[in-house]
Amino acid sequence: RGQVSVPEGTAATIQKVMLYFIPLSVLFSGL
């Protein structure tokens, strides 16, 4: 929400993957 511009192409794909990958890595750290 605080971004100054909307990413496109590869940057948008990476951002979407990181949106779910980082929380999942936190869940994995519990083990």
PDB file of all heavy atoms in Angstrom:
ATOM      1  N   ARG A   1       0.816  -1.212   0.000  1.00  0.00           N
ATOM      2  CA  ARG A   1       0.000   0.000   0.000  1.00  0.00           C
ATOM      3  C   ARG A   1       0.850   1.262   0.000  1.00  0.00           C
ATOM      4  O   ARG A   1       0.420   2.298  -0.498  1.00  0.00           O
ATOM      5  CB  ARG A   1      -0.919   0.007   1.220  1.00  0.00           C
ATOM      6  CG  ARG A   1      -2.026  -1.036   1.178  1.00  0.00           C
ATOM      7  CD  ARG A   1      -2.886  -0.970   2.418  1.00  0.00           C
ATOM      8  NE  ARG A   1      -3.950  -1.982   2.395  1.00  0.00           N
ATOM      9  CZ  ARG A   1      -4.801  -2.187   3.385  1.00  0.00           C
ATOM     10  NH1 ARG A   1      -4.721  -1.438   4.496  1.00  0.00           N
ATOM     11  NH2 ARG A   1      -5.737  -3.119   3.277  1.00  0.00           N
ATOM     12  N   GLY A   2       2.033   1.187   0.574  1.00  0.00           N
ATOM     13  CA  GLY A   2       2.898   2.361   0.635  1.00  0.00           C
ATOM     14  C   GLY A   2       3.811   2.521  -0.560  1.00  0.00           C
ATOM     15  O   GLY A   2       4.689   3.392  -0.548  1.00  0.00           O
ATOM     16  N   GLN A   3       3.628   1.712  -1.593  1.00  0.00           N
ATOM     17  CA  GLN A   3       4.492   1.802  -2.766  1.00  0.00           C
ATOM     18  C   GLN A   3       4.188   3.064  -3.559  1.00  0.00           C
ATOM     19  O   GLN A   3       3.048   3.542  -3.607  1.00  0.00           O
ATOM     20  CB  GLN A   3       4.305   0.569  -3.650  1.00  0.00           C
ATOM     21  CG  GLN A   3       4.886  -0.700  -3.081  1.00  0.00           C
ATOM     22  CD  GLN A   3       4.660  -1.897  -3.986  1.00  0.00           C
ATOM     23  OE1 GLN A   3       3.785  -1.852  -4.857  1.00  0.00           O
ATOM     24  NE2 GLN A   3       5.407  -2.949  -3.788  1.00  0.00           N
ATOM     25  N   VAL A   4       5.234   3.593  -4.187  1.00  0.00           N
ATOM     26  CA  VAL A   4       5.086   4.809  -4.988  1.00  0.00           C
ATOM     27  C   VAL A   4       4.656   4.500  -6.411  1.00  0.00           C
ATOM     28  O   VAL A   4       4.220   5.386  -7.133  1.00  0.00           O
ATOM     29  CB  VAL A   4       6.412   5.606  -4.990  1.00  0.00           C
ATOM     30  CG1 VAL A   4       6.773   6.030  -3.582  1.00  0.00           C
ATOM     31  CG2 VAL A   4       7.546   4.788  -5.599  1.00  0.00           C
ATOM     32  N   SER A   5       4.798   3.260  -6.835  1.00  0.00           N
ATOM     33  CA  SER A   5       4.391   2.865  -8.176  1.00  0.00           C
ATOM     34  C   SER A   5       3.977   1.397  -8.153  1.00  0.00           C
ATOM     35  O   SER A   5       4.408   0.628  -7.291  1.00  0.00           O
ATOM     36  CB  SER A   5       5.524   3.078  -9.195  1.00  0.00           C
ATOM     37  OG  SER A   5       6.652   2.291  -8.851  1.00  0.00           O
ATOM     38  N   VAL A   6       3.152   1.030  -9.093  1.00  0.00           N
ATOM     39  CA  VAL A   6       2.673  -0.346  -9.181  1.00  0.00           C
ATOM     40  C   VAL A   6       3.672  -1.157  -9.997  1.00  0.00           C
ATOM     41  O   VAL A   6       3.946  -0.820 -11.152  1.00  0.00           O
ATOM     42  CB  VAL A   6       1.281  -0.402  -9.824  1.00  0.00           C
ATOM     43  CG1 VAL A   6       0.788  -1.841  -9.922  1.00  0.00           C
ATOM     44  CG2 VAL A   6       0.297   0.448  -9.027  1.00  0.00           C
ATOM     45  N   PRO A   7       4.262  -2.208  -9.422  1.00  0.00           N
ATOM     46  CA  PRO A   7       5.236  -3.014 -10.177  1.00  0.00           C
ATOM     47  C   PRO A   7       4.556  -3.769 -11.313  1.00  0.00           C
ATOM     48  O   PRO A   7       3.377  -4.126 -11.235  1.00  0.00           O
ATOM     49  CB  PRO A   7       5.810  -3.956  -9.127  1.00  0.00           C
ATOM     50  CG  PRO A   7       4.764  -4.044  -8.081  1.00  0.00           C
ATOM     51  CD  PRO A   7       4.073  -2.718  -8.060  1.00  0.00           C
ATOM     52  N   GLU A   8       5.322  -4.021 -12.347  1.00  0.00           N
ATOM     53  CA  GLU A   8       4.803  -4.733 -13.509  1.00  0.00           C
ATOM     54  C   GLU A   8       5.771  -5.849 -13.894  1.00  0.00           C
ATOM     55  O   GLU A   8       6.953  -5.825 -13.552  1.00  0.00           O
ATOM     56  CB  GLU A   8       4.616  -3.773 -14.694  1.00  0.00           C
ATOM     57  CG  GLU A   8       3.629  -2.656 -14.420  1.00  0.00           C
ATOM     58  CD  GLU A   8       3.505  -1.696 -15.599  1.00  0.00           C
ATOM     59  OE1 GLU A   8       4.272  -1.882 -16.579  1.00  0.00           O
ATOM     60  OE2 GLU A   8       2.674  -0.770 -15.541  1.00  0.00           O
ATOM     61  N   GLY A   9       5.253  -6.813 -14.608  1.00  0.00           N
ATOM     62  CA  GLY A   9       6.088  -7.891 -15.131  1.00  0.00           C
ATOM     63  C   GLY A   9       6.685  -8.757 -14.052  1.00  0.00           C
ATOM     64  O   GLY A   9       6.004  -9.227 -13.136  1.00  0.00           O
ATOM     65  N   THR A  10       8.015  -8.941 -14.148  1.00  0.00           N
ATOM     66  CA  THR A  10       8.720  -9.822 -13.214  1.00  0.00           C
ATOM     67  C   THR A  10       8.664  -9.295 -11.786  1.00  0.00           C
ATOM     68  O   THR A  10       8.527 -10.078 -10.827  1.00  0.00           O
ATOM     69  CB  THR A  10      10.187  -9.976 -13.650  1.00  0.00           C
ATOM     70  OG1 THR A  10      10.236 -10.400 -15.013  1.00  0.00           O
ATOM     71  CG2 THR A  10      10.902 -10.996 -12.785  1.00  0.00           C
ATOM     72  N   ALA A  11       8.763  -7.981 -11.621  1.00  0.00           N
ATOM     73  CA  ALA A  11       8.722  -7.399 -10.275  1.00  0.00           C
ATOM     74  C   ALA A  11       7.385  -7.685  -9.596  1.00  0.00           C
ATOM     75  O   ALA A  11       7.343  -7.992  -8.399  1.00  0.00           O
ATOM     76  CB  ALA A  11       8.964  -5.894 -10.348  1.00  0.00           C
ATOM     77  N   ALA A  12       6.295  -7.609 -10.342  1.00  0.00           N
ATOM     78  CA  ALA A  12       4.983  -7.909  -9.769  1.00  0.00           C
ATOM     79  C   ALA A  12       4.871  -9.377  -9.376  1.00  0.00           C
ATOM     80  O   ALA A  12       4.292  -9.716  -8.336  1.00  0.00           O
ATOM     81  CB  ALA A  12       3.886  -7.533 -10.763  1.00  0.00           C
ATOM     82  N   THR A  13       5.429 -10.264 -10.203  1.00  0.00           N
ATOM     83  CA  THR A  13       5.387 -11.698  -9.880  1.00  0.00           C
ATOM     84  C   THR A  13       6.193 -12.009  -8.627  1.00  0.00           C
ATOM     85  O   THR A  13       5.739 -12.759  -7.751  1.00  0.00           O
ATOM     86  CB  THR A  13       5.937 -12.510 -11.061  1.00  0.00           C
ATOM     87  OG1 THR A  13       5.201 -12.180 -12.248  1.00  0.00           O
ATOM     88  CG2 THR A  13       5.826 -13.987 -10.796  1.00  0.00           C
ATOM     89  N   ILE A  14       7.387 -11.413  -8.512  1.00  0.00           N
ATOM     90  CA  ILE A  14       8.226 -11.644  -7.337  1.00  0.00           C
ATOM     91  C   ILE A  14       7.538 -11.126  -6.080  1.00  0.00           C
ATOM     92  O   ILE A  14       7.543 -11.783  -5.026  1.00  0.00           O
ATOM     93  CB  ILE A  14       9.602 -10.978  -7.529  1.00  0.00           C
ATOM     94  CG1 ILE A  14      10.372 -11.666  -8.661  1.00  0.00           C
ATOM     95  CG2 ILE A  14      10.408 -11.017  -6.234  1.00  0.00           C
ATOM     96  CD1 ILE A  14      11.695 -11.017  -8.986  1.00  0.00           C
ATOM     97  N   GLN A  15       6.925  -9.969  -6.188  1.00  0.00           N
ATOM     98  CA  GLN A  15       6.233  -9.410  -5.020  1.00  0.00           C
ATOM     99  C   GLN A  15       5.067 -10.285  -4.574  1.00  0.00           C
ATOM    100  O   GLN A  15       4.833 -10.472  -3.383  1.00  0.00           O
ATOM    101  CB  GLN A  15       5.741  -7.999  -5.343  1.00  0.00           C
ATOM    102  CG  GLN A  15       5.168  -7.266  -4.146  1.00  0.00           C
ATOM    103  CD  GLN A  15       4.634  -5.912  -4.520  1.00  0.00           C
ATOM    104  OE1 GLN A  15       3.600  -5.801  -5.159  1.00  0.00           O
ATOM    105  NE2 GLN A  15       5.334  -4.861  -4.132  1.00  0.00           N
ATOM    106  N   LYS A  16       4.350 -10.837  -5.534  1.00  0.00           N
ATOM    107  CA  LYS A  16       3.229 -11.708  -5.192  1.00  0.00           C
ATOM    108  C   LYS A  16       3.712 -13.001  -4.538  1.00  0.00           C
ATOM    109  O   LYS A  16       3.085 -13.508  -3.593  1.00  0.00           O
ATOM    110  CB  LYS A  16       2.418 -12.026  -6.449  1.00  0.00           C
ATOM    111  CG  LYS A  16       1.114 -12.737  -6.175  1.00  0.00           C
ATOM    112  CD  LYS A  16       0.305 -12.893  -7.436  1.00  0.00           C
ATOM    113  CE  LYS A  16      -1.030 -13.591  -7.145  1.00  0.00           C
ATOM    114  NZ  LYS A  16      -1.841 -13.736  -8.389  1.00  0.00           N
ATOM    115  N   VAL A  17       4.829 -13.541  -5.014  1.00  0.00           N
ATOM    116  CA  VAL A  17       5.380 -14.754  -4.414  1.00  0.00           C
ATOM    117  C   VAL A  17       5.874 -14.473  -2.992  1.00  0.00           C
ATOM    118  O   VAL A  17       5.629 -15.269  -2.063  1.00  0.00           O
ATOM    119  CB  VAL A  17       6.521 -15.301  -5.290  1.00  0.00           C
ATOM    120  CG1 VAL A  17       7.258 -16.424  -4.574  1.00  0.00           C
ATOM    121  CG2 VAL A  17       5.981 -15.797  -6.625  1.00  0.00           C
ATOM    122  N   MET A  18       6.546 -13.319  -2.785  1.00  0.00           N
ATOM    123  CA  MET A  18       7.061 -12.984  -1.465  1.00  0.00           C
ATOM    124  C   MET A  18       5.940 -12.734  -0.466  1.00  0.00           C
ATOM    125  O   MET A  18       6.120 -12.938   0.742  1.00  0.00           O
ATOM    126  CB  MET A  18       7.960 -11.746  -1.559  1.00  0.00           C
ATOM    127  CG  MET A  18       9.209 -11.949  -2.393  1.00  0.00           C
ATOM    128  SD  MET A  18      10.296 -13.233  -1.746  1.00  0.00           S
ATOM    129  CE  MET A  18      10.887 -12.443  -0.261  1.00  0.00           C
ATOM    130  N   LEU A  19       4.780 -12.311  -0.958  1.00  0.00           N
ATOM    131  CA  LEU A  19       3.648 -12.062  -0.077  1.00  0.00           C
ATOM    132  C   LEU A  19       3.245 -13.319   0.681  1.00  0.00           C
ATOM    133  O   LEU A  19       2.816 -13.243   1.848  1.00  0.00           O
ATOM    134  CB  LEU A  19       2.474 -11.516  -0.894  1.00  0.00           C
ATOM    135  CG  LEU A  19       1.169 -11.240  -0.138  1.00  0.00           C
ATOM    136  CD1 LEU A  19       1.372 -10.144   0.901  1.00  0.00           C
ATOM    137  CD2 LEU A  19       0.067 -10.851  -1.110  1.00  0.00           C
ATOM    138  N   TYR A  20       3.393 -14.466   0.065  1.00  0.00           N
ATOM    139  CA  TYR A  20       3.018 -15.726   0.709  1.00  0.00           C
ATOM    140  C   TYR A  20       4.231 -16.549   1.155  1.00  0.00           C
ATOM    141  O   TYR A  20       4.125 -17.352   2.086  1.00  0.00           O
ATOM    142  CB  TYR A  20       2.166 -16.561  -0.254  1.00  0.00           C
ATOM    143  CG  TYR A  20       0.893 -15.863  -0.669  1.00  0.00           C
ATOM    144  CD1 TYR A  20       0.807 -15.239  -1.919  1.00  0.00           C
ATOM    145  CD2 TYR A  20      -0.203 -15.815   0.171  1.00  0.00           C
ATOM    146  CE1 TYR A  20      -0.354 -14.589  -2.312  1.00  0.00           C
ATOM    147  CE2 TYR A  20      -1.370 -15.169  -0.210  1.00  0.00           C
ATOM    148  CZ  TYR A  20      -1.443 -14.555  -1.453  1.00  0.00           C
ATOM    149  OH  TYR A  20      -2.586 -13.902  -1.825  1.00  0.00           O
ATOM    150  N   PHE A  21       5.375 -16.346   0.501  1.00  0.00           N
ATOM    151  CA  PHE A  21       6.552 -17.145   0.833  1.00  0.00           C
ATOM    152  C   PHE A  21       7.109 -16.774   2.209  1.00  0.00           C
ATOM    153  O   PHE A  21       7.490 -17.667   2.992  1.00  0.00           O
ATOM    154  CB  PHE A  21       7.631 -16.958  -0.237  1.00  0.00           C
ATOM    155  CG  PHE A  21       8.918 -17.655   0.083  1.00  0.00           C
ATOM    156  CD1 PHE A  21       9.038 -19.024  -0.071  1.00  0.00           C
ATOM    157  CD2 PHE A  21      10.014 -16.939   0.554  1.00  0.00           C
ATOM    158  CE1 PHE A  21      10.224 -19.673   0.242  1.00  0.00           C
ATOM    159  CE2 PHE A  21      11.194 -17.574   0.867  1.00  0.00           C
ATOM    160  CZ  PHE A  21      11.300 -18.949   0.697  1.00  0.00           C
ATOM    161  N   ILE A  22       7.174 -15.482   2.522  1.00  0.00           N
ATOM    162  CA  ILE A  22       7.747 -15.063   3.810  1.00  0.00           C
ATOM    163  C   ILE A  22       6.905 -15.555   4.988  1.00  0.00           C
ATOM    164  O   ILE A  22       7.461 -16.110   5.949  1.00  0.00           O
ATOM    165  CB  ILE A  22       7.925 -13.528   3.833  1.00  0.00           C
ATOM    166  CG1 ILE A  22       8.934 -13.099   2.764  1.00  0.00           C
ATOM    167  CG2 ILE A  22       8.384 -13.059   5.200  1.00  0.00           C
ATOM    168  CD1 ILE A  22       9.163 -11.602   2.708  1.00  0.00           C
ATOM    169  N   PRO A  23       5.576 -15.405   4.984  1.00  0.00           N
ATOM    170  CA  PRO A  23       4.801 -15.981   6.098  1.00  0.00           C
ATOM    171  C   PRO A  23       4.957 -17.496   6.211  1.00  0.00           C
ATOM    172  O   PRO A  23       5.001 -18.037   7.333  1.00  0.00           O
ATOM    173  CB  PRO A  23       3.357 -15.582   5.763  1.00  0.00           C
ATOM    174  CG  PRO A  23       3.482 -14.355   4.936  1.00  0.00           C
ATOM    175  CD  PRO A  23       4.709 -14.572   4.120  1.00  0.00           C
ATOM    176  N   LEU A  24       5.039 -18.199   5.068  1.00  0.00           N
ATOM    177  CA  LEU A  24       5.229 -19.645   5.129  1.00  0.00           C
ATOM    178  C   LEU A  24       6.589 -20.008   5.729  1.00  0.00           C
ATOM    179  O   LEU A  24       6.707 -21.005   6.459  1.00  0.00           O
ATOM    180  CB  LEU A  24       5.095 -20.250   3.733  1.00  0.00           C
ATOM    181  CG  LEU A  24       3.677 -20.288   3.149  1.00  0.00           C
ATOM    182  CD1 LEU A  24       3.692 -20.812   1.731  1.00  0.00           C
ATOM    183  CD2 LEU A  24       2.748 -21.133   4.026  1.00  0.00           C
ATOM    184  N   SER A  25       7.605 -19.201   5.431  1.00  0.00           N
ATOM    185  CA  SER A  25       8.925 -19.463   6.028  1.00  0.00           C
ATOM    186  C   SER A  25       8.902 -19.238   7.537  1.00  0.00           C
ATOM    187  O   SER A  25       9.617 -19.928   8.281  1.00  0.00           O
ATOM    188  CB  SER A  25       9.979 -18.562   5.373  1.00  0.00           C
ATOM    189  OG  SER A  25       9.718 -17.194   5.645  1.00  0.00           O
ATOM    190  N   VAL A  26       8.068 -18.287   7.993  1.00  0.00           N
ATOM    191  CA  VAL A  26       7.928 -18.080   9.433  1.00  0.00           C
ATOM    192  C   VAL A  26       7.262 -19.289  10.083  1.00  0.00           C
ATOM    193  O   VAL A  26       7.651 -19.727  11.174  1.00  0.00           O
ATOM    194  CB  VAL A  26       7.124 -16.794   9.709  1.00  0.00           C
ATOM    195  CG1 VAL A  26       6.844 -16.641  11.197  1.00  0.00           C
ATOM    196  CG2 VAL A  26       7.881 -15.574   9.194  1.00  0.00           C
ATOM    197  N   LEU A  27       6.256 -19.848   9.408  1.00  0.00           N
ATOM    198  CA  LEU A  27       5.618 -21.061   9.924  1.00  0.00           C
ATOM    199  C   LEU A  27       6.612 -22.219   9.999  1.00  0.00           C
ATOM    200  O   LEU A  27       6.618 -22.992  10.965  1.00  0.00           O
ATOM    201  CB  LEU A  27       4.429 -21.445   9.035  1.00  0.00           C
ATOM    202  CG  LEU A  27       3.199 -20.540   9.093  1.00  0.00           C
ATOM    203  CD1 LEU A  27       2.160 -20.988   8.068  1.00  0.00           C
ATOM    204  CD2 LEU A  27       2.588 -20.550  10.491  1.00  0.00           C
ATOM    205  N   PHE A  28       7.449 -22.340   9.003  1.00  0.00           N
ATOM    206  CA  PHE A  28       8.446 -23.413   8.985  1.00  0.00           C
ATOM    207  C   PHE A  28       9.478 -23.245  10.095  1.00  0.00           C
ATOM    208  O   PHE A  28      10.017 -24.232  10.606  1.00  0.00           O
ATOM    209  CB  PHE A  28       9.130 -23.438   7.622  1.00  0.00           C
ATOM    210  CG  PHE A  28      10.154 -24.518   7.481  1.00  0.00           C
ATOM    211  CD1 PHE A  28       9.774 -25.845   7.314  1.00  0.00           C
ATOM    212  CD2 PHE A  28      11.505 -24.216   7.521  1.00  0.00           C
ATOM    213  CE1 PHE A  28      10.726 -26.847   7.193  1.00  0.00           C
ATOM    214  CE2 PHE A  28      12.464 -25.204   7.398  1.00  0.00           C
ATOM    215  CZ  PHE A  28      12.068 -26.524   7.226  1.00  0.00           C
ATOM    216  N   SER A  29       9.750 -21.979  10.485  1.00  0.00           N
ATOM    217  CA  SER A  29      10.752 -21.736  11.534  1.00  0.00           C
ATOM    218  C   SER A  29      10.306 -22.294  12.872  1.00  0.00           C
ATOM    219  O   SER A  29      11.139 -22.533  13.758  1.00  0.00           O
ATOM    220  CB  SER A  29      11.020 -20.232  11.662  1.00  0.00           C
ATOM    221  OG  SER A  29       9.868 -19.562  12.154  1.00  0.00           O
ATOM    222  N   GLY A  30       8.977 -22.503  13.049  1.00  0.00           N
ATOM    223  CA  GLY A  30       8.507 -23.061  14.305  1.00  0.00           C
ATOM    224  C   GLY A  30       8.981 -24.462  14.556  1.00  0.00           C
ATOM    225  O   GLY A  30       8.981 -24.942  15.704  1.00  0.00           O
ATOM    226  N   LEU A  31       9.405 -25.160  13.507  1.00  0.00           N
ATOM    227  CA  LEU A  31       9.903 -26.519  13.662  1.00  0.00           C
ATOM    228  C   LEU A  31      11.379 -26.570  14.036  1.00  0.00           C
ATOM    229  O   LEU A  31      11.888 -27.642  14.390  1.00  0.00           O
ATOM    230  CB  LEU A  31       9.696 -27.299  12.357  1.00  0.00           C
ATOM    231  CG  LEU A  31       8.254 -27.451  11.871  1.00  0.00           C
ATOM    232  CD1 LEU A  31       8.235 -28.117  10.503  1.00  0.00           C
ATOM    233  CD2 LEU A  31       7.431 -28.245  12.870  1.00  0.00           C
TER     234      LEU A  31
END
